[in-house]
Amino acid sequence: MPNLKISLPLLVLVVLHNAAPTHSATATSFIESSCRVTRYPALCVHSLSAYATSIRQSSRQLTQTALSVSLNKSRLAAAFVSNLAKGGAVRGLEYQALKDCIENMGDTVDRLRQSVKELRDLRRTAGGDLLWHLSNVQTWVSAALTDETTCLDGFASRRLDGQVKAVIRRKITLVAQVTSNALALVNHFADKKH
């Protein structure tokens, strides 16, 4: 009888342990499938897989998470650019490009913040209002992507060939790719609502 008492908790533990990966595997599969509509599917899967258990198989939660990830990366990049400009080591054309980029990234953060809030508030809307709110999100995320691209364009000149240019381009390009993926997921989510 004592062996049965030990075995039963062990059996329950084994069953629970084996059940969890199935749910997670299904959620990860959903993310992989959903990310196929994006321009950077590997990055999409990589940036969203950590949230698989909260996303489950919800297109709304997937889209919300993609926007939140984009917002977080944008905030970090904006802070990095701002700190780089404050350091005093950057001068001339690079400094001007940095100042413009700070403004662009500030706009990006604002637009993505609006988008996250608007999508979160969709739970309380229906019908035509739903499509209008989704249209707002699409517009704001698209504008955020334009702001990121404008920041990158500021460093396109061949006269700016330093280390600052390389670091900014690498960071902002990653943010733009994550935002592009978020926009694709927003568009896909909106298409399903039509």
C-alpha atoms as a PDB file:
ATOM      1  CA  MET A   1       0.000   0.000   0.000  1.00  0.00           C
ATOM      2  CA  PRO A   2       2.792   2.535   0.755  1.00  0.00           C
ATOM      3  CA  ASN A   3       4.109   1.996  -2.763  1.00  0.00           C
ATOM      4  CA  LEU A   4       0.720   3.021  -4.133  1.00  0.00           C
ATOM      5  CA  LYS A   5       0.796   6.304  -2.190  1.00  0.00           C
ATOM      6  CA  ILE A   6       4.206   7.131  -3.565  1.00  0.00           C
ATOM      7  CA  SER A   7       3.295   6.041  -7.054  1.00  0.00           C
ATOM      8  CA  LEU A   8       0.052   8.002  -7.267  1.00  0.00           C
ATOM      9  CA  PRO A   9       1.646  11.431  -6.633  1.00  0.00           C
ATOM     10  CA  LEU A  10       4.451  10.488  -8.986  1.00  0.00           C
ATOM     11  CA  LEU A  11       1.924   9.477 -11.640  1.00  0.00           C
ATOM     12  CA  VAL A  12       0.012  12.759 -11.228  1.00  0.00           C
ATOM     13  CA  LEU A  13       3.258  14.699 -11.520  1.00  0.00           C
ATOM     14  CA  VAL A  14       4.256  12.837 -14.688  1.00  0.00           C
ATOM     15  CA  VAL A  15       0.828  13.393 -16.272  1.00  0.00           C
ATOM     16  CA  LEU A  16       0.871  17.116 -15.437  1.00  0.00           C
ATOM     17  CA  HIS A  17       4.426  17.491 -16.666  1.00  0.00           C
ATOM     18  CA  ASN A  18       3.656  15.782 -19.975  1.00  0.00           C
ATOM     19  CA  ALA A  19       0.413  17.731 -20.489  1.00  0.00           C
ATOM     20  CA  ALA A  20       2.058  21.167 -20.268  1.00  0.00           C
ATOM     21  CA  PRO A  21       4.352  20.826 -23.295  1.00  0.00           C
ATOM     22  CA  THR A  22       1.417  19.780 -25.472  1.00  0.00           C
ATOM     23  CA  HIS A  23      -0.383  23.049 -24.704  1.00  0.00           C
ATOM     24  CA  SER A  24       2.813  24.991 -25.213  1.00  0.00           C
ATOM     25  CA  ALA A  25       3.627  23.074 -28.397  1.00  0.00           C
ATOM     26  CA  THR A  26       0.155  23.837 -29.770  1.00  0.00           C
ATOM     27  CA  ALA A  27       0.555  27.522 -28.917  1.00  0.00           C
ATOM     28  CA  THR A  28       4.027  27.615 -30.481  1.00  0.00           C
ATOM     29  CA  SER A  29       2.620  25.917 -33.572  1.00  0.00           C
ATOM     30  CA  PHE A  30      -0.083  28.592 -33.739  1.00  0.00           C
ATOM     31  CA  ILE A  31       2.586  31.317 -33.539  1.00  0.00           C
ATOM     32  CA  GLU A  32       4.671  29.676 -36.282  1.00  0.00           C
ATOM     33  CA  SER A  33       1.634  29.363 -38.520  1.00  0.00           C
ATOM     34  CA  SER A  34       0.510  32.945 -37.852  1.00  0.00           C
ATOM     35  CA  CYS A  35       3.983  34.369 -38.464  1.00  0.00           C
ATOM     36  CA  ARG A  36       3.953  33.070 -42.040  1.00  0.00           C
ATOM     37  CA  VAL A  37       2.032  36.207 -43.068  1.00  0.00           C
ATOM     38  CA  THR A  38       4.894  38.441 -41.893  1.00  0.00           C
ATOM     39  CA  ARG A  39       7.904  39.699 -43.796  1.00  0.00           C
ATOM     40  CA  TYR A  40      10.332  38.335 -41.176  1.00  0.00           C
ATOM     41  CA  PRO A  41       8.758  35.049 -40.012  1.00  0.00           C
ATOM     42  CA  ALA A  42      11.803  33.707 -38.118  1.00  0.00           C
ATOM     43  CA  LEU A  43      12.096  36.955 -36.152  1.00  0.00           C
ATOM     44  CA  CYS A  44       8.339  36.902 -35.557  1.00  0.00           C
ATOM     45  CA  VAL A  45       8.457  33.396 -34.088  1.00  0.00           C
ATOM     46  CA  HIS A  46      11.560  34.227 -32.043  1.00  0.00           C
ATOM     47  CA  SER A  47      10.066  37.412 -30.569  1.00  0.00           C
ATOM     48  CA  LEU A  48       6.666  35.889 -29.739  1.00  0.00           C
ATOM     49  CA  SER A  49       7.485  32.317 -28.654  1.00  0.00           C
ATOM     50  CA  ALA A  50       8.303  33.373 -25.099  1.00  0.00           C
ATOM     51  CA  TYR A  51       4.648  34.447 -24.793  1.00  0.00           C
ATOM     52  CA  ALA A  52       3.151  31.240 -26.234  1.00  0.00           C
ATOM     53  CA  THR A  53       1.297  30.270 -23.062  1.00  0.00           C
ATOM     54  CA  SER A  54      -0.450  33.649 -22.823  1.00  0.00           C
ATOM     55  CA  ILE A  55      -1.132  33.823 -26.577  1.00  0.00           C
ATOM     56  CA  ARG A  56      -2.518  30.273 -26.727  1.00  0.00           C
ATOM     57  CA  GLN A  57      -4.411  30.211 -30.028  1.00  0.00           C
ATOM     58  CA  SER A  58      -5.919  33.681 -29.863  1.00  0.00           C
ATOM     59  CA  SER A  59      -5.362  35.915 -32.893  1.00  0.00           C
ATOM     60  CA  ARG A  60      -6.282  38.938 -30.797  1.00  0.00           C
ATOM     61  CA  GLN A  61      -3.759  38.043 -28.076  1.00  0.00           C
ATOM     62  CA  LEU A  62      -1.107  37.281 -30.702  1.00  0.00           C
ATOM     63  CA  THR A  63      -1.648  40.694 -32.290  1.00  0.00           C
ATOM     64  CA  GLN A  64      -1.708  42.434 -28.903  1.00  0.00           C
ATOM     65  CA  THR A  65       1.536  40.719 -27.907  1.00  0.00           C
ATOM     66  CA  ALA A  66       3.228  41.572 -31.216  1.00  0.00           C
ATOM     67  CA  LEU A  67       2.329  45.234 -30.702  1.00  0.00           C
ATOM     68  CA  SER A  68       3.569  45.150 -27.103  1.00  0.00           C
ATOM     69  CA  VAL A  69       6.871  43.577 -28.164  1.00  0.00           C
ATOM     70  CA  SER A  70       7.261  46.250 -30.844  1.00  0.00           C
ATOM     71  CA  LEU A  71       6.465  48.988 -28.321  1.00  0.00           C
ATOM     72  CA  ASN A  72       9.005  47.601 -25.852  1.00  0.00           C
ATOM     73  CA  LYS A  73      11.757  47.350 -28.483  1.00  0.00           C
ATOM     74  CA  SER A  74      10.916  50.873 -29.674  1.00  0.00           C
ATOM     75  CA  ARG A  75      11.168  52.264 -26.147  1.00  0.00           C
ATOM     76  CA  LEU A  76      14.556  50.617 -25.639  1.00  0.00           C
ATOM     77  CA  ALA A  77      15.838  51.899 -28.988  1.00  0.00           C
ATOM     78  CA  ALA A  78      14.511  55.416 -28.304  1.00  0.00           C
ATOM     79  CA  ALA A  79      16.272  55.458 -24.929  1.00  0.00           C
ATOM     80  CA  PHE A  80      19.487  54.201 -26.529  1.00  0.00           C
ATOM     81  CA  VAL A  81      19.413  56.889 -29.233  1.00  0.00           C
ATOM     82  CA  SER A  82      18.639  59.571 -26.667  1.00  0.00           C
ATOM     83  CA  ASN A  83      21.485  58.473 -24.385  1.00  0.00           C
ATOM     84  CA  LEU A  84      23.872  58.372 -27.330  1.00  0.00           C
ATOM     85  CA  ALA A  85      23.026  61.979 -28.188  1.00  0.00           C
ATOM     86  CA  LYS A  86      23.444  63.067 -24.554  1.00  0.00           C
ATOM     87  CA  GLY A  87      26.906  61.523 -24.336  1.00  0.00           C
ATOM     88  CA  GLY A  88      28.509  64.467 -26.125  1.00  0.00           C
ATOM     89  CA  ALA A  89      30.797  62.317 -28.278  1.00  0.00           C
ATOM     90  CA  VAL A  90      28.642  62.671 -31.397  1.00  0.00           C
ATOM     91  CA  ARG A  91      28.933  65.886 -33.421  1.00  0.00           C
ATOM     92  CA  GLY A  92      28.099  67.396 -36.784  1.00  0.00           C
ATOM     93  CA  LEU A  93      25.929  65.490 -39.234  1.00  0.00           C
ATOM     94  CA  GLU A  94      25.742  62.432 -36.997  1.00  0.00           C
ATOM     95  CA  TYR A  95      24.432  64.561 -34.133  1.00  0.00           C
ATOM     96  CA  GLN A  96      21.759  66.107 -36.367  1.00  0.00           C
ATOM     97  CA  ALA A  97      20.753  62.660 -37.626  1.00  0.00           C
ATOM     98  CA  LEU A  98      20.561  61.482 -33.996  1.00  0.00           C
ATOM     99  CA  LYS A  99      18.354  64.433 -33.007  1.00  0.00           C
ATOM    100  CA  ASP A 100      15.997  63.695 -35.899  1.00  0.00           C
ATOM    101  CA  CYS A 101      15.998  60.019 -34.965  1.00  0.00           C
ATOM    102  CA  ILE A 102      15.119  60.864 -31.349  1.00  0.00           C
ATOM    103  CA  GLU A 103      12.057  62.732 -32.604  1.00  0.00           C
ATOM    104  CA  ASN A 104      11.109  59.903 -34.969  1.00  0.00           C
ATOM    105  CA  MET A 105      11.486  57.261 -32.280  1.00  0.00           C
ATOM    106  CA  GLY A 106       9.470  59.355 -29.832  1.00  0.00           C
ATOM    107  CA  ASP A 107       6.674  59.455 -32.404  1.00  0.00           C
ATOM    108  CA  THR A 108       7.037  55.698 -32.929  1.00  0.00           C
ATOM    109  CA  VAL A 109       6.638  55.025 -29.208  1.00  0.00           C
ATOM    110  CA  ASP A 110       3.571  57.297 -29.027  1.00  0.00           C
ATOM    111  CA  ARG A 111       1.903  55.646 -32.023  1.00  0.00           C
ATOM    112  CA  LEU A 112       2.592  52.125 -30.789  1.00  0.00           C
ATOM    113  CA  ARG A 113       1.353  53.020 -27.300  1.00  0.00           C
ATOM    114  CA  GLN A 114      -1.894  54.297 -28.878  1.00  0.00           C
ATOM    115  CA  SER A 115      -2.152  51.098 -30.902  1.00  0.00           C
ATOM    116  CA  VAL A 116      -1.693  48.817 -27.893  1.00  0.00           C
ATOM    117  CA  LYS A 117      -4.380  50.738 -25.995  1.00  0.00           C
ATOM    118  CA  GLU A 118      -6.778  50.809 -28.954  1.00  0.00           C
ATOM    119  CA  LEU A 119      -6.456  47.071 -29.542  1.00  0.00           C
ATOM    120  CA  ARG A 120      -6.907  46.368 -25.829  1.00  0.00           C
ATOM    121  CA  ASP A 121     -10.087  48.491 -25.868  1.00  0.00           C
ATOM    122  CA  LEU A 122     -11.478  46.479 -28.808  1.00  0.00           C
ATOM    123  CA  ARG A 123     -12.896  43.989 -26.342  1.00  0.00           C
ATOM    124  CA  ARG A 124     -15.666  46.479 -25.605  1.00  0.00           C
ATOM    125  CA  THR A 125     -16.554  47.254 -29.224  1.00  0.00           C
ATOM    126  CA  ALA A 126     -18.400  45.431 -31.973  1.00  0.00           C
ATOM    127  CA  GLY A 127     -19.635  45.835 -35.523  1.00  0.00           C
ATOM    128  CA  GLY A 128     -18.633  48.926 -37.494  1.00  0.00           C
ATOM    129  CA  ASP A 129     -16.878  50.425 -34.479  1.00  0.00           C
ATOM    130  CA  LEU A 130     -14.611  47.387 -34.369  1.00  0.00           C
ATOM    131  CA  LEU A 131     -13.454  47.970 -37.935  1.00  0.00           C
ATOM    132  CA  TRP A 132     -12.947  51.681 -37.286  1.00  0.00           C
ATOM    133  CA  HIS A 133     -10.772  50.952 -34.236  1.00  0.00           C
ATOM    134  CA  LEU A 134      -8.794  48.343 -36.166  1.00  0.00           C
ATOM    135  CA  SER A 135      -8.292  50.895 -38.928  1.00  0.00           C
ATOM    136  CA  ASN A 136      -6.855  53.295 -36.345  1.00  0.00           C
ATOM    137  CA  VAL A 137      -4.406  50.624 -35.190  1.00  0.00           C
ATOM    138  CA  GLN A 138      -3.374  49.879 -38.776  1.00  0.00           C
ATOM    139  CA  THR A 139      -2.806  53.577 -39.473  1.00  0.00           C
ATOM    140  CA  TRP A 140      -0.778  54.177 -36.310  1.00  0.00           C
ATOM    141  CA  VAL A 141       1.419  51.085 -36.693  1.00  0.00           C
ATOM    142  CA  SER A 142       2.048  51.983 -40.334  1.00  0.00           C
ATOM    143  CA  ALA A 143       3.005  55.520 -39.265  1.00  0.00           C
ATOM    144  CA  ALA A 144       5.330  54.091 -36.583  1.00  0.00           C
ATOM    145  CA  LEU A 145       7.052  52.003 -39.249  1.00  0.00           C
ATOM    146  CA  THR A 146       7.416  55.125 -41.408  1.00  0.00           C
ATOM    147  CA  ASP A 147       8.986  56.975 -38.458  1.00  0.00           C
ATOM    148  CA  GLU A 148      11.493  54.160 -37.965  1.00  0.00           C
ATOM    149  CA  THR A 149      12.353  54.164 -41.665  1.00  0.00           C
ATOM    150  CA  THR A 150      12.762  57.952 -41.578  1.00  0.00           C
ATOM    151  CA  CYS A 151      15.224  57.555 -38.706  1.00  0.00           C
ATOM    152  CA  LEU A 152      17.194  55.046 -40.782  1.00  0.00           C
ATOM    153  CA  ASP A 153      17.110  57.359 -43.811  1.00  0.00           C
ATOM    154  CA  GLY A 154      18.809  60.031 -41.711  1.00  0.00           C
ATOM    155  CA  PHE A 155      21.868  57.783 -41.519  1.00  0.00           C
ATOM    156  CA  ALA A 156      21.919  56.843 -45.217  1.00  0.00           C
ATOM    157  CA  SER A 157      24.492  59.447 -46.269  1.00  0.00           C
ATOM    158  CA  ARG A 158      27.931  58.133 -47.191  1.00  0.00           C
ATOM    159  CA  ARG A 159      29.383  61.004 -45.180  1.00  0.00           C
ATOM    160  CA  LEU A 160      28.072  59.220 -42.102  1.00  0.00           C
ATOM    161  CA  ASP A 161      30.179  56.088 -42.070  1.00  0.00           C
ATOM    162  CA  GLY A 162      31.153  55.844 -38.439  1.00  0.00           C
ATOM    163  CA  GLN A 163      30.403  53.423 -35.678  1.00  0.00           C
ATOM    164  CA  VAL A 164      27.371  55.479 -34.594  1.00  0.00           C
ATOM    165  CA  LYS A 165      25.744  54.904 -37.975  1.00  0.00           C
ATOM    166  CA  ALA A 166      26.357  51.153 -37.789  1.00  0.00           C
ATOM    167  CA  VAL A 167      24.952  50.817 -34.269  1.00  0.00           C
ATOM    168  CA  ILE A 168      21.880  52.951 -34.993  1.00  0.00           C
ATOM    169  CA  ARG A 169      21.136  51.146 -38.248  1.00  0.00           C
ATOM    170  CA  ARG A 170      21.407  47.749 -36.539  1.00  0.00           C
ATOM    171  CA  LYS A 171      19.131  48.715 -33.612  1.00  0.00           C
ATOM    172  CA  ILE A 172      16.515  50.619 -35.599  1.00  0.00           C
ATOM    173  CA  THR A 173      16.439  48.008 -38.370  1.00  0.00           C
ATOM    174  CA  LEU A 174      15.549  45.362 -35.773  1.00  0.00           C
ATOM    175  CA  VAL A 175      12.810  47.607 -34.366  1.00  0.00           C
ATOM    176  CA  ALA A 176      11.470  48.248 -37.887  1.00  0.00           C
ATOM    177  CA  GLN A 177      11.415  44.515 -38.636  1.00  0.00           C
ATOM    178  CA  VAL A 178       9.516  43.760 -35.417  1.00  0.00           C
ATOM    179  CA  THR A 179       7.091  46.611 -36.177  1.00  0.00           C
ATOM    180  CA  SER A 180       6.653  45.357 -39.748  1.00  0.00           C
ATOM    181  CA  ASN A 181       5.752  41.939 -38.349  1.00  0.00           C
ATOM    182  CA  ALA A 182       3.297  43.512 -35.904  1.00  0.00           C
ATOM    183  CA  LEU A 183       1.676  45.444 -38.763  1.00  0.00           C
ATOM    184  CA  ALA A 184       1.321  42.266 -40.830  1.00  0.00           C
ATOM    185  CA  LEU A 185      -0.348  40.523 -37.879  1.00  0.00           C
ATOM    186  CA  VAL A 186      -2.649  43.520 -37.294  1.00  0.00           C
ATOM    187  CA  ASN A 187      -3.609  43.499 -40.983  1.00  0.00           C
ATOM    188  CA  HIS A 188      -4.231  39.747 -40.909  1.00  0.00           C
ATOM    189  CA  PHE A 189      -6.349  40.098 -37.761  1.00  0.00           C
ATOM    190  CA  ALA A 190      -8.337  42.945 -39.367  1.00  0.00           C
ATOM    191  CA  ASP A 191      -8.883  40.920 -42.551  1.00  0.00           C
ATOM    192  CA  LYS A 192     -10.468  38.149 -40.489  1.00  0.00           C
ATOM    193  CA  LYS A 193     -12.889  40.675 -38.976  1.00  0.00           C
ATOM    194  CA  HIS A 194     -14.222  41.876 -42.361  1.00  0.00           C
END
